[in-house]
Amino acid sequence: MNFSNSEENYLKAIYHLQAESDTVSTSALAQQLKTKPASITDMMKKLSAKGLLNYKPYYGFTLSAEGKKIALTIIRRHRLWEFFLAQKLGFNWDEVHEVAEELEHVSSKKLIEKLDAYLGFPEFDPHGDPIPDSKGRVRPVQKISLYELAFHQPAFVHHVSNQSTELLELLKHKHITIGTQLEVKKHFQFDNSLQIKIKANKTETISEQLAKNIFVTYEQAKKY
């Protein structure tokens, strides 16, 4: 079954919202997609008729098993293209999302499988988000925010939750990217900012807000 770009965008957005709440509301989806609630209602009816959505007016909606499968396929394509753009074409990590938003709608299964093999079957995209495998499986990872990291405990940047251009630009300025080794040296009570050591010697002070958007693991990611 073929789906329009708009239908795929809706399925992907619902999947991401369901990670935060079991049931997705019309208003939450309208805000996510920057559209009117009336447009949301029309699309929900279409997706429900195709068996991709469990939808009850006024009660919210969730993806069906088939809807979740399609959403993961779209996310897989998006993140593989992000990896390709960053690793093979030299795009910065704050540039890949917009281009991948267009490429994710190229639905050739053979192309995506060959792309995955060509890239060496990466497990994570340039922002540390997991790439679903060909069966829609996502590798679970134990991670904590940098703000929660114990003092003098070396860890590696694994994921950035806020992937806005502004935040990624700030991280780039501070020479922090996926895989960067960090260590918290001091917590300033006045504004809850942190002094961190980057890699072996460089020291930076970062805000509480920034620290809470950086997630780390104790082992460096093997892919990307």
N, C-alpha and C. Protein backbone atom coordinates (compact mmCIF):
# COMPACT_ATOMS: atom_id res chain seq x y z
N MET A 1 0.84 -1.19 0.00
CA MET A 1 0.00 0.00 0.00
C MET A 1 0.88 1.25 0.00
N ASN A 2 0.57 2.17 -0.89
CA ASN A 2 1.32 3.41 -0.96
C ASN A 2 0.65 4.50 -0.12
N PHE A 3 1.46 5.37 0.44
CA PHE A 3 0.94 6.44 1.28
C PHE A 3 1.47 7.78 0.78
N SER A 4 0.67 8.81 0.95
CA SER A 4 1.11 10.15 0.56
C SER A 4 2.16 10.65 1.55
N ASN A 5 2.91 11.65 1.15
CA ASN A 5 3.89 12.25 2.06
C ASN A 5 3.22 12.76 3.33
N SER A 6 2.05 13.34 3.15
CA SER A 6 1.31 13.88 4.30
C SER A 6 0.91 12.77 5.27
N GLU A 7 0.43 11.66 4.74
CA GLU A 7 0.05 10.53 5.60
C GLU A 7 1.27 10.00 6.36
N GLU A 8 2.39 9.89 5.68
CA GLU A 8 3.61 9.41 6.33
C GLU A 8 4.06 10.39 7.43
N ASN A 9 3.94 11.68 7.17
CA ASN A 9 4.32 12.68 8.18
C ASN A 9 3.44 12.55 9.43
N TYR A 10 2.16 12.30 9.22
CA TYR A 10 1.25 12.13 10.35
C TYR A 10 1.61 10.90 11.16
N LEU A 11 1.86 9.79 10.49
CA LEU A 11 2.19 8.55 11.20
C LEU A 11 3.46 8.70 12.01
N LYS A 12 4.45 9.34 11.43
CA LYS A 12 5.72 9.55 12.14
C LYS A 12 5.52 10.45 13.36
N ALA A 13 4.75 11.53 13.18
CA ALA A 13 4.51 12.46 14.28
C ALA A 13 3.75 11.78 15.42
N ILE A 14 2.76 10.97 15.09
CA ILE A 14 1.99 10.26 16.12
C ILE A 14 2.89 9.29 16.88
N TYR A 15 3.77 8.61 16.15
CA TYR A 15 4.69 7.67 16.80
C TYR A 15 5.54 8.40 17.84
N HIS A 16 6.09 9.54 17.48
CA HIS A 16 6.94 10.30 18.41
C HIS A 16 6.13 10.80 19.61
N LEU A 17 4.90 11.24 19.38
CA LEU A 17 4.07 11.73 20.48
C LEU A 17 3.65 10.60 21.41
N GLN A 18 3.46 9.40 20.85
CA GLN A 18 3.09 8.25 21.69
C GLN A 18 4.21 7.84 22.62
N ALA A 19 5.42 8.22 22.30
CA ALA A 19 6.54 7.91 23.21
C ALA A 19 6.42 8.71 24.49
N GLU A 20 5.69 9.82 24.44
CA GLU A 20 5.51 10.69 25.61
C GLU A 20 4.18 10.43 26.31
N SER A 21 3.17 9.99 25.55
CA SER A 21 1.85 9.75 26.12
C SER A 21 1.18 8.62 25.34
N ASP A 22 0.54 7.70 26.05
CA ASP A 22 -0.06 6.54 25.39
C ASP A 22 -1.10 6.94 24.34
N THR A 23 -1.90 7.94 24.67
CA THR A 23 -2.93 8.41 23.75
C THR A 23 -2.59 9.81 23.27
N VAL A 24 -2.71 10.03 21.97
CA VAL A 24 -2.35 11.32 21.38
C VAL A 24 -3.61 12.13 21.14
N SER A 25 -3.60 13.39 21.52
CA SER A 25 -4.76 14.26 21.33
C SER A 25 -4.66 15.02 20.01
N THR A 26 -5.80 15.47 19.54
CA THR A 26 -5.84 16.26 18.31
C THR A 26 -5.03 17.53 18.45
N SER A 27 -5.15 18.19 19.61
CA SER A 27 -4.45 19.45 19.83
C SER A 27 -2.94 19.25 19.86
N ALA A 28 -2.48 18.16 20.48
CA ALA A 28 -1.04 17.88 20.55
C ALA A 28 -0.47 17.63 19.15
N LEU A 29 -1.21 16.89 18.33
CA LEU A 29 -0.74 16.59 16.98
C LEU A 29 -0.79 17.86 16.11
N ALA A 30 -1.82 18.68 16.31
CA ALA A 30 -1.92 19.93 15.55
C ALA A 30 -0.74 20.84 15.86
N GLN A 31 -0.35 20.88 17.13
CA GLN A 31 0.79 21.69 17.53
C GLN A 31 2.08 21.14 16.95
N GLN A 32 2.22 19.82 16.97
CA GLN A 32 3.42 19.17 16.44
C GLN A 32 3.59 19.43 14.95
N LEU A 33 2.50 19.37 14.21
CA LEU A 33 2.55 19.50 12.76
C LEU A 33 2.27 20.92 12.28
N LYS A 34 1.99 21.80 13.25
CA LYS A 34 1.70 23.21 12.92
C LYS A 34 0.56 23.32 11.90
N THR A 35 -0.55 22.70 12.23
CA THR A 35 -1.72 22.74 11.36
C THR A 35 -2.98 22.91 12.19
N LYS A 36 -4.13 22.99 11.54
CA LYS A 36 -5.40 23.24 12.24
C LYS A 36 -6.02 21.92 12.72
N PRO A 37 -6.68 21.94 13.88
CA PRO A 37 -7.33 20.73 14.40
C PRO A 37 -8.30 20.10 13.40
N ALA A 38 -8.98 20.92 12.59
CA ALA A 38 -9.93 20.37 11.61
C ALA A 38 -9.21 19.48 10.59
N SER A 39 -8.01 19.89 10.20
CA SER A 39 -7.22 19.09 9.25
C SER A 39 -6.80 17.78 9.89
N ILE A 40 -6.49 17.83 11.17
CA ILE A 40 -6.09 16.63 11.92
C ILE A 40 -7.24 15.62 11.91
N THR A 41 -8.45 16.09 12.20
CA THR A 41 -9.61 15.20 12.27
C THR A 41 -9.86 14.51 10.94
N ASP A 42 -9.74 15.23 9.85
CA ASP A 42 -9.94 14.64 8.52
C ASP A 42 -8.92 13.54 8.25
N MET A 43 -7.66 13.81 8.58
CA MET A 43 -6.61 12.82 8.34
C MET A 43 -6.78 11.60 9.25
N MET A 44 -7.22 11.83 10.50
CA MET A 44 -7.42 10.70 11.41
C MET A 44 -8.45 9.73 10.85
N LYS A 45 -9.48 10.26 10.23
CA LYS A 45 -10.51 9.41 9.64
C LYS A 45 -9.94 8.58 8.49
N LYS A 46 -9.09 9.21 7.67
CA LYS A 46 -8.47 8.51 6.54
C LYS A 46 -7.55 7.39 7.03
N LEU A 47 -6.71 7.71 8.01
CA LEU A 47 -5.77 6.71 8.51
C LEU A 47 -6.48 5.59 9.25
N SER A 48 -7.56 5.93 9.94
CA SER A 48 -8.34 4.92 10.63
C SER A 48 -9.00 3.97 9.63
N ALA A 49 -9.49 4.52 8.52
CA ALA A 49 -10.14 3.70 7.48
C ALA A 49 -9.14 2.74 6.84
N LYS A 50 -7.87 3.10 6.84
CA LYS A 50 -6.83 2.24 6.27
C LYS A 50 -6.27 1.25 7.29
N GLY A 51 -6.82 1.27 8.50
CA GLY A 51 -6.38 0.33 9.52
C GLY A 51 -5.07 0.70 10.19
N LEU A 52 -4.68 1.97 10.09
CA LEU A 52 -3.39 2.39 10.65
C LEU A 52 -3.53 3.08 11.99
N LEU A 53 -4.77 3.30 12.40
CA LEU A 53 -5.00 4.12 13.58
C LEU A 53 -6.19 3.59 14.37
N ASN A 54 -6.07 3.65 15.68
CA ASN A 54 -7.21 3.41 16.56
C ASN A 54 -7.72 4.78 16.97
N TYR A 55 -8.89 5.17 16.46
CA TYR A 55 -9.35 6.55 16.63
C TYR A 55 -10.79 6.60 17.15
N LYS A 56 -10.97 7.36 18.23
CA LYS A 56 -12.31 7.64 18.76
C LYS A 56 -12.43 9.15 18.95
N PRO A 57 -13.40 9.77 18.30
CA PRO A 57 -13.57 11.22 18.46
C PRO A 57 -13.66 11.62 19.93
N TYR A 58 -12.95 12.66 20.28
CA TYR A 58 -12.92 13.25 21.64
C TYR A 58 -12.11 12.42 22.65
N TYR A 59 -11.61 11.24 22.25
CA TYR A 59 -10.84 10.42 23.17
C TYR A 59 -9.37 10.27 22.76
N GLY A 60 -9.00 10.85 21.62
CA GLY A 60 -7.63 10.71 21.17
C GLY A 60 -7.45 9.49 20.30
N PHE A 61 -6.20 9.18 19.99
CA PHE A 61 -5.94 8.09 19.05
C PHE A 61 -4.57 7.50 19.32
N THR A 62 -4.36 6.29 18.80
CA THR A 62 -3.08 5.59 18.89
C THR A 62 -2.84 4.86 17.57
N LEU A 63 -1.60 4.56 17.30
CA LEU A 63 -1.28 3.78 16.11
C LEU A 63 -1.70 2.33 16.30
N SER A 64 -2.23 1.73 15.25
CA SER A 64 -2.47 0.29 15.27
C SER A 64 -1.12 -0.42 15.08
N ALA A 65 -1.11 -1.73 15.17
CA ALA A 65 0.14 -2.47 14.96
C ALA A 65 0.71 -2.19 13.58
N GLU A 66 -0.18 -2.14 12.57
CA GLU A 66 0.27 -1.86 11.21
C GLU A 66 0.74 -0.41 11.08
N GLY A 67 0.05 0.51 11.75
CA GLY A 67 0.46 1.92 11.72
C GLY A 67 1.83 2.12 12.34
N LYS A 68 2.09 1.41 13.44
CA LYS A 68 3.40 1.51 14.09
C LYS A 68 4.49 0.95 13.18
N LYS A 69 4.18 -0.14 12.49
CA LYS A 69 5.14 -0.75 11.57
C LYS A 69 5.52 0.23 10.45
N ILE A 70 4.53 0.91 9.89
CA ILE A 70 4.79 1.88 8.82
C ILE A 70 5.58 3.06 9.36
N ALA A 71 5.22 3.54 10.55
CA ALA A 71 5.92 4.68 11.16
C ALA A 71 7.40 4.36 11.38
N LEU A 72 7.68 3.16 11.85
CA LEU A 72 9.07 2.76 12.08
C LEU A 72 9.84 2.64 10.77
N THR A 73 9.16 2.24 9.72
CA THR A 73 9.80 2.17 8.40
C THR A 73 10.21 3.57 7.93
N ILE A 74 9.33 4.55 8.14
CA ILE A 74 9.63 5.93 7.75
C ILE A 74 10.78 6.48 8.58
N ILE A 75 10.75 6.21 9.88
CA ILE A 75 11.81 6.68 10.77
C ILE A 75 13.14 6.03 10.40
N ARG A 76 13.09 4.76 10.05
CA ARG A 76 14.31 4.05 9.61
C ARG A 76 14.91 4.73 8.39
N ARG A 77 14.07 5.03 7.40
CA ARG A 77 14.56 5.69 6.19
C ARG A 77 15.15 7.06 6.53
N HIS A 78 14.44 7.81 7.36
CA HIS A 78 14.90 9.16 7.73
C HIS A 78 16.28 9.12 8.39
N ARG A 79 16.45 8.25 9.34
CA ARG A 79 17.70 8.22 10.11
C ARG A 79 18.86 7.64 9.31
N LEU A 80 18.57 6.70 8.42
CA LEU A 80 19.63 6.20 7.53
C LEU A 80 20.11 7.31 6.59
N TRP A 81 19.16 8.09 6.07
CA TRP A 81 19.56 9.20 5.21
C TRP A 81 20.34 10.24 5.99
N GLU A 82 19.98 10.51 7.23
CA GLU A 82 20.75 11.45 8.05
C GLU A 82 22.19 10.95 8.22
N PHE A 83 22.32 9.67 8.48
CA PHE A 83 23.65 9.09 8.65
C PHE A 83 24.46 9.22 7.36
N PHE A 84 23.83 8.91 6.24
CA PHE A 84 24.49 9.00 4.94
C PHE A 84 24.95 10.43 4.66
N LEU A 85 24.07 11.39 4.90
CA LEU A 85 24.39 12.80 4.63
C LEU A 85 25.57 13.27 5.47
N ALA A 86 25.60 12.85 6.74
CA ALA A 86 26.68 13.28 7.63
C ALA A 86 27.98 12.55 7.36
N GLN A 87 27.90 11.23 7.19
CA GLN A 87 29.11 10.42 7.05
C GLN A 87 29.72 10.45 5.66
N LYS A 88 28.88 10.45 4.65
CA LYS A 88 29.38 10.31 3.29
C LYS A 88 29.42 11.63 2.51
N LEU A 89 28.56 12.57 2.85
CA LEU A 89 28.51 13.82 2.10
C LEU A 89 29.00 15.02 2.90
N GLY A 90 29.37 14.80 4.15
CA GLY A 90 29.98 15.86 4.94
C GLY A 90 29.03 16.93 5.46
N PHE A 91 27.73 16.63 5.52
CA PHE A 91 26.79 17.57 6.11
C PHE A 91 27.04 17.66 7.62
N ASN A 92 26.85 18.85 8.20
CA ASN A 92 26.90 19.00 9.64
C ASN A 92 25.64 18.39 10.26
N TRP A 93 25.71 18.03 11.54
CA TRP A 93 24.56 17.37 12.17
C TRP A 93 23.36 18.30 12.33
N ASP A 94 23.58 19.61 12.20
CA ASP A 94 22.45 20.55 12.26
C ASP A 94 21.86 20.82 10.88
N GLU A 95 22.38 20.14 9.85
CA GLU A 95 21.90 20.34 8.48
C GLU A 95 21.14 19.13 7.93
N VAL A 96 21.31 17.97 8.56
CA VAL A 96 20.83 16.74 7.93
C VAL A 96 19.32 16.53 8.03
N HIS A 97 18.70 17.05 9.09
CA HIS A 97 17.29 16.75 9.33
C HIS A 97 16.39 17.24 8.20
N GLU A 98 16.57 18.47 7.80
CA GLU A 98 15.70 19.06 6.77
C GLU A 98 15.79 18.31 5.45
N VAL A 99 17.00 17.91 5.06
CA VAL A 99 17.18 17.16 3.80
C VAL A 99 16.57 15.76 3.93
N ALA A 100 16.79 15.13 5.09
CA ALA A 100 16.26 13.78 5.31
C ALA A 100 14.74 13.77 5.35
N GLU A 101 14.12 14.90 5.72
CA GLU A 101 12.66 15.00 5.71
C GLU A 101 12.10 14.77 4.31
N GLU A 102 12.86 15.16 3.30
CA GLU A 102 12.43 14.94 1.91
C GLU A 102 12.79 13.53 1.44
N LEU A 103 14.00 13.09 1.77
CA LEU A 103 14.47 11.79 1.29
C LEU A 103 13.71 10.62 1.93
N GLU A 104 13.16 10.82 3.14
CA GLU A 104 12.48 9.72 3.83
C GLU A 104 11.26 9.21 3.07
N HIS A 105 10.74 9.99 2.13
CA HIS A 105 9.55 9.58 1.39
C HIS A 105 9.89 8.74 0.15
N VAL A 106 11.18 8.54 -0.11
CA VAL A 106 11.58 7.61 -1.17
C VAL A 106 11.38 6.21 -0.62
N SER A 107 10.39 5.51 -1.13
CA SER A 107 9.92 4.29 -0.45
C SER A 107 10.47 2.98 -1.00
N SER A 108 11.46 3.03 -1.90
CA SER A 108 12.02 1.80 -2.46
C SER A 108 12.69 0.97 -1.35
N LYS A 109 12.12 -0.19 -1.08
CA LYS A 109 12.68 -1.05 -0.04
C LYS A 109 14.08 -1.53 -0.41
N LYS A 110 14.29 -1.85 -1.69
CA LYS A 110 15.59 -2.32 -2.15
C LYS A 110 16.65 -1.24 -1.95
N LEU A 111 16.30 0.01 -2.26
CA LEU A 111 17.23 1.12 -2.08
C LEU A 111 17.64 1.26 -0.62
N ILE A 112 16.68 1.20 0.28
CA ILE A 112 16.97 1.39 1.70
C ILE A 112 17.82 0.25 2.25
N GLU A 113 17.54 -0.98 1.82
CA GLU A 113 18.33 -2.11 2.29
C GLU A 113 19.77 -2.02 1.78
N LYS A 114 19.94 -1.58 0.54
CA LYS A 114 21.29 -1.41 -0.01
C LYS A 114 22.01 -0.23 0.68
N LEU A 115 21.27 0.81 0.99
CA LEU A 115 21.84 1.95 1.70
C LEU A 115 22.32 1.52 3.08
N ASP A 116 21.52 0.74 3.78
CA ASP A 116 21.87 0.25 5.11
C ASP A 116 23.16 -0.57 5.05
N ALA A 117 23.23 -1.48 4.08
CA ALA A 117 24.42 -2.33 3.92
C ALA A 117 25.65 -1.49 3.56
N TYR A 118 25.45 -0.53 2.67
CA TYR A 118 26.55 0.35 2.25
C TYR A 118 27.12 1.13 3.43
N LEU A 119 26.27 1.53 4.34
CA LEU A 119 26.70 2.31 5.50
C LEU A 119 27.24 1.44 6.63
N GLY A 120 27.16 0.12 6.47
CA GLY A 120 27.68 -0.77 7.51
C GLY A 120 26.69 -1.06 8.61
N PHE A 121 25.39 -0.95 8.31
CA PHE A 121 24.32 -1.23 9.27
C PHE A 121 24.46 -0.40 10.56
N PRO A 122 24.46 0.93 10.44
CA PRO A 122 24.62 1.78 11.63
C PRO A 122 23.45 1.61 12.60
N GLU A 123 23.73 1.74 13.88
CA GLU A 123 22.70 1.59 14.90
C GLU A 123 22.11 2.92 15.35
N PHE A 124 22.84 4.02 15.10
CA PHE A 124 22.39 5.32 15.57
C PHE A 124 22.63 6.38 14.50
N ASP A 125 21.74 7.39 14.46
CA ASP A 125 21.91 8.48 13.51
C ASP A 125 22.85 9.54 14.09
N PRO A 126 23.13 10.63 13.37
CA PRO A 126 24.10 11.63 13.85
C PRO A 126 23.72 12.33 15.15
N HIS A 127 22.44 12.21 15.57
CA HIS A 127 22.01 12.84 16.82
C HIS A 127 21.92 11.82 17.96
N GLY A 128 22.28 10.58 17.67
CA GLY A 128 22.23 9.54 18.69
C GLY A 128 20.90 8.81 18.77
N ASP A 129 19.98 9.12 17.87
CA ASP A 129 18.70 8.40 17.85
C ASP A 129 18.90 7.01 17.25
N PRO A 130 18.28 5.99 17.82
CA PRO A 130 18.45 4.63 17.29
C PRO A 130 17.81 4.48 15.91
N ILE A 131 18.46 3.73 15.04
CA ILE A 131 17.92 3.44 13.71
C ILE A 131 17.24 2.08 13.75
N PRO A 132 15.93 2.01 13.54
CA PRO A 132 15.26 0.71 13.52
C PRO A 132 15.87 -0.19 12.45
N ASP A 133 15.98 -1.48 12.74
CA ASP A 133 16.52 -2.40 11.73
C ASP A 133 15.44 -2.75 10.71
N SER A 134 15.74 -3.64 9.80
CA SER A 134 14.82 -3.96 8.71
C SER A 134 13.52 -4.60 9.21
N LYS A 135 13.52 -5.09 10.45
CA LYS A 135 12.31 -5.68 11.03
C LYS A 135 11.62 -4.74 12.01
N GLY A 136 12.09 -3.49 12.05
CA GLY A 136 11.47 -2.51 12.93
C GLY A 136 11.92 -2.57 14.38
N ARG A 137 12.95 -3.34 14.64
CA ARG A 137 13.44 -3.46 16.02
C ARG A 137 14.38 -2.30 16.34
N VAL A 138 14.25 -1.78 17.55
CA VAL A 138 15.09 -0.67 18.01
C VAL A 138 15.91 -1.12 19.20
N ARG A 139 17.21 -0.95 19.11
CA ARG A 139 18.08 -1.37 20.20
C ARG A 139 17.90 -0.48 21.42
N PRO A 140 17.56 -1.05 22.59
CA PRO A 140 17.43 -0.23 23.80
C PRO A 140 18.80 0.18 24.33
N VAL A 141 18.89 1.39 24.84
CA VAL A 141 20.15 1.90 25.38
C VAL A 141 19.90 2.54 26.74
N GLN A 142 20.73 2.19 27.70
CA GLN A 142 20.64 2.81 29.02
C GLN A 142 21.43 4.11 29.00
N LYS A 143 20.74 5.23 29.19
CA LYS A 143 21.42 6.52 29.17
C LYS A 143 20.81 7.44 30.22
N ILE A 144 21.60 8.42 30.65
CA ILE A 144 21.13 9.42 31.60
C ILE A 144 21.50 10.80 31.08
N SER A 145 20.83 11.82 31.60
CA SER A 145 21.19 13.17 31.16
C SER A 145 22.52 13.56 31.80
N LEU A 146 23.23 14.41 31.12
CA LEU A 146 24.51 14.89 31.64
C LEU A 146 24.32 15.56 33.00
N TYR A 147 23.17 16.18 33.20
CA TYR A 147 22.88 16.85 34.47
C TYR A 147 22.83 15.87 35.64
N GLU A 148 22.50 14.62 35.36
CA GLU A 148 22.41 13.59 36.40
C GLU A 148 23.72 12.84 36.61
N LEU A 149 24.69 13.06 35.76
CA LEU A 149 25.95 12.31 35.83
C LEU A 149 26.71 12.64 37.11
N ALA A 150 27.22 11.62 37.76
CA ALA A 150 28.00 11.82 38.99
C ALA A 150 29.30 12.55 38.69
N PHE A 151 29.80 13.27 39.66
CA PHE A 151 31.07 13.99 39.50
C PHE A 151 32.20 13.02 39.18
N HIS A 152 33.11 13.46 38.32
CA HIS A 152 34.35 12.74 38.00
C HIS A 152 34.10 11.36 37.39
N GLN A 153 32.92 11.19 36.78
CA GLN A 153 32.58 9.92 36.13
C GLN A 153 32.65 10.11 34.61
N PRO A 154 33.68 9.59 33.95
CA PRO A 154 33.77 9.76 32.49
C PRO A 154 32.58 9.10 31.79
N ALA A 155 32.03 9.79 30.80
CA ALA A 155 30.91 9.26 30.02
C ALA A 155 31.00 9.81 28.60
N PHE A 156 30.20 9.22 27.72
CA PHE A 156 30.24 9.61 26.31
C PHE A 156 28.88 10.15 25.88
N VAL A 157 28.90 11.22 25.11
CA VAL A 157 27.65 11.77 24.59
C VAL A 157 27.03 10.76 23.63
N HIS A 158 25.77 10.41 23.91
CA HIS A 158 25.11 9.39 23.09
C HIS A 158 23.91 9.94 22.32
N HIS A 159 23.26 10.96 22.87
CA HIS A 159 22.00 11.41 22.28
C HIS A 159 21.74 12.87 22.68
N VAL A 160 21.11 13.61 21.79
CA VAL A 160 20.70 14.99 22.07
C VAL A 160 19.19 15.04 21.89
N SER A 161 18.47 15.39 22.96
CA SER A 161 17.00 15.33 22.90
C SER A 161 16.42 16.51 22.14
N ASN A 162 16.95 17.69 22.34
CA ASN A 162 16.51 18.87 21.59
C ASN A 162 17.42 18.99 20.37
N GLN A 163 16.85 18.80 19.19
CA GLN A 163 17.67 18.79 17.98
C GLN A 163 17.43 20.02 17.12
N SER A 164 17.09 21.13 17.79
CA SER A 164 16.91 22.38 17.06
C SER A 164 18.25 22.86 16.52
N THR A 165 18.19 23.63 15.45
CA THR A 165 19.41 24.18 14.85
C THR A 165 20.19 25.00 15.87
N GLU A 166 19.47 25.75 16.70
CA GLU A 166 20.12 26.62 17.69
C GLU A 166 20.92 25.82 18.71
N LEU A 167 20.34 24.73 19.21
CA LEU A 167 21.06 23.93 20.21
C LEU A 167 22.24 23.20 19.59
N LEU A 168 22.04 22.63 18.40
CA LEU A 168 23.14 21.91 17.74
C LEU A 168 24.28 22.86 17.40
N GLU A 169 23.94 24.09 17.04
CA GLU A 169 24.97 25.09 16.75
C GLU A 169 25.77 25.42 18.02
N LEU A 170 25.06 25.49 19.15
CA LEU A 170 25.73 25.77 20.43
C LEU A 170 26.68 24.63 20.79
N LEU A 171 26.23 23.39 20.62
CA LEU A 171 27.09 22.24 20.92
C LEU A 171 28.31 22.22 20.00
N LYS A 172 28.10 22.55 18.74
CA LYS A 172 29.22 22.61 17.80
C LYS A 172 30.25 23.65 18.25
N HIS A 173 29.75 24.80 18.72
CA HIS A 173 30.63 25.87 19.20
C HIS A 173 31.46 25.40 20.40
N LYS A 174 30.86 24.53 21.22
CA LYS A 174 31.56 24.02 22.40
C LYS A 174 32.32 22.73 22.12
N HIS A 175 32.35 22.32 20.86
CA HIS A 175 33.08 21.12 20.43
C HIS A 175 32.54 19.85 21.10
N ILE A 176 31.22 19.80 21.22
CA ILE A 176 30.55 18.62 21.78
C ILE A 176 29.72 17.98 20.68
N THR A 177 29.94 16.69 20.45
CA THR A 177 29.17 15.96 19.45
C THR A 177 28.94 14.54 19.95
N ILE A 178 28.25 13.71 19.16
CA ILE A 178 28.04 12.32 19.56
C ILE A 178 29.39 11.63 19.69
N GLY A 179 29.59 10.94 20.81
CA GLY A 179 30.85 10.25 21.06
C GLY A 179 31.85 11.04 21.87
N THR A 180 31.61 12.33 22.07
CA THR A 180 32.54 13.14 22.86
C THR A 180 32.58 12.67 24.31
N GLN A 181 33.78 12.52 24.86
CA GLN A 181 33.91 12.12 26.26
C GLN A 181 33.80 13.34 27.16
N LEU A 182 32.94 13.24 28.18
CA LEU A 182 32.70 14.34 29.11
C LEU A 182 32.86 13.86 30.55
N GLU A 183 33.10 14.82 31.42
CA GLU A 183 33.18 14.53 32.85
C GLU A 183 32.73 15.78 33.60
N VAL A 184 31.82 15.62 34.54
CA VAL A 184 31.34 16.76 35.32
C VAL A 184 32.31 17.04 36.46
N LYS A 185 32.79 18.28 36.52
CA LYS A 185 33.77 18.64 37.54
C LYS A 185 33.16 19.43 38.70
N LYS A 186 32.15 20.26 38.40
CA LYS A 186 31.60 21.11 39.46
C LYS A 186 30.17 21.53 39.12
N HIS A 187 29.38 21.71 40.18
CA HIS A 187 28.00 22.19 40.04
C HIS A 187 27.90 23.54 40.74
N PHE A 188 27.48 24.56 39.99
CA PHE A 188 27.36 25.91 40.56
C PHE A 188 25.94 26.11 41.08
N GLN A 189 25.80 26.33 42.37
CA GLN A 189 24.49 26.44 43.01
C GLN A 189 23.71 27.67 42.52
N PHE A 190 24.41 28.74 42.16
CA PHE A 190 23.73 29.99 41.82
C PHE A 190 22.73 29.81 40.67
N ASP A 191 23.15 29.18 39.58
CA ASP A 191 22.26 29.00 38.44
C ASP A 191 22.17 27.55 37.96
N ASN A 192 22.70 26.61 38.76
CA ASN A 192 22.68 25.18 38.44
C ASN A 192 23.48 24.83 37.18
N SER A 193 24.37 25.71 36.78
CA SER A 193 25.23 25.40 35.64
C SER A 193 26.30 24.38 36.06
N LEU A 194 26.92 23.75 35.07
CA LEU A 194 27.93 22.73 35.34
C LEU A 194 29.26 23.10 34.70
N GLN A 195 30.33 22.80 35.42
CA GLN A 195 31.65 22.87 34.80
C GLN A 195 31.99 21.45 34.36
N ILE A 196 32.30 21.29 33.07
CA ILE A 196 32.60 19.96 32.55
C ILE A 196 33.96 19.94 31.89
N LYS A 197 34.58 18.77 31.91
CA LYS A 197 35.83 18.57 31.18
C LYS A 197 35.49 17.81 29.91
N ILE A 198 35.93 18.36 28.79
CA ILE A 198 35.67 17.74 27.49
C ILE A 198 36.92 17.01 27.03
N LYS A 199 36.74 15.72 26.72
CA LYS A 199 37.86 14.86 26.32
C LYS A 199 38.91 14.86 27.42
N ALA A 200 40.15 15.17 27.11
CA ALA A 200 41.22 14.99 28.09
C ALA A 200 41.50 16.24 28.93
N ASN A 201 41.27 17.42 28.36
CA ASN A 201 41.74 18.59 29.11
C ASN A 201 40.85 19.82 29.06
N LYS A 202 40.14 20.09 27.96
CA LYS A 202 39.40 21.33 27.84
C LYS A 202 38.23 21.40 28.82
N THR A 203 38.07 22.57 29.47
CA THR A 203 36.99 22.77 30.43
C THR A 203 36.01 23.81 29.91
N GLU A 204 34.71 23.53 30.10
CA GLU A 204 33.64 24.43 29.67
C GLU A 204 32.61 24.55 30.79
N THR A 205 31.90 25.66 30.82
CA THR A 205 30.75 25.81 31.71
C THR A 205 29.51 25.83 30.85
N ILE A 206 28.55 24.96 31.17
CA ILE A 206 27.32 24.88 30.40
C ILE A 206 26.11 25.06 31.30
N SER A 207 25.02 25.50 30.74
CA SER A 207 23.81 25.78 31.50
C SER A 207 23.10 24.49 31.91
N GLU A 208 22.22 24.62 32.90
CA GLU A 208 21.39 23.50 33.33
C GLU A 208 20.53 23.01 32.16
N GLN A 209 19.95 23.93 31.41
CA GLN A 209 19.09 23.57 30.29
C GLN A 209 19.84 22.76 29.25
N LEU A 210 21.04 23.18 28.92
CA LEU A 210 21.83 22.44 27.94
C LEU A 210 22.19 21.06 28.46
N ALA A 211 22.61 20.99 29.72
CA ALA A 211 23.01 19.71 30.32
C ALA A 211 21.87 18.70 30.33
N LYS A 212 20.64 19.19 30.50
CA LYS A 212 19.49 18.29 30.55
C LYS A 212 19.06 17.81 29.16
N ASN A 213 19.61 18.41 28.12
CA ASN A 213 19.32 17.97 26.75
C ASN A 213 20.40 17.06 26.18
N ILE A 214 21.46 16.85 26.94
CA ILE A 214 22.55 15.97 26.51
C ILE A 214 22.46 14.66 27.29
N PHE A 215 22.40 13.54 26.59
CA PHE A 215 22.31 12.24 27.26
C PHE A 215 23.59 11.44 27.00
N VAL A 216 24.04 10.78 28.05
CA VAL A 216 25.34 10.11 27.98
C VAL A 216 25.21 8.64 28.39
N THR A 217 26.20 7.86 27.96
CA THR A 217 26.33 6.47 28.37
C THR A 217 27.77 6.27 28.86
N TYR A 218 28.00 5.15 29.51
CA TYR A 218 29.35 4.88 30.03
C TYR A 218 30.23 4.20 29.00
N GLU A 219 29.61 3.76 27.90
CA GLU A 219 30.37 3.14 26.82
C GLU A 219 30.15 3.93 25.54
N GLN A 220 31.20 4.14 24.77
CA GLN A 220 31.07 4.89 23.53
C GLN A 220 30.27 4.09 22.51
N ALA A 221 29.39 4.78 21.79
CA ALA A 221 28.59 4.11 20.76
C ALA A 221 29.50 3.50 19.70
N LYS A 222 29.18 2.30 19.27
CA LYS A 222 30.00 1.60 18.29
C LYS A 222 29.72 2.10 16.87
N LYS A 223 28.55 2.62 16.65
CA LYS A 223 28.17 3.10 15.32
C LYS A 223 27.95 4.59 15.37
N TYR A 224 28.59 5.29 14.47
CA TYR A 224 28.61 6.75 14.33
C TYR A 224 29.44 7.42 15.37
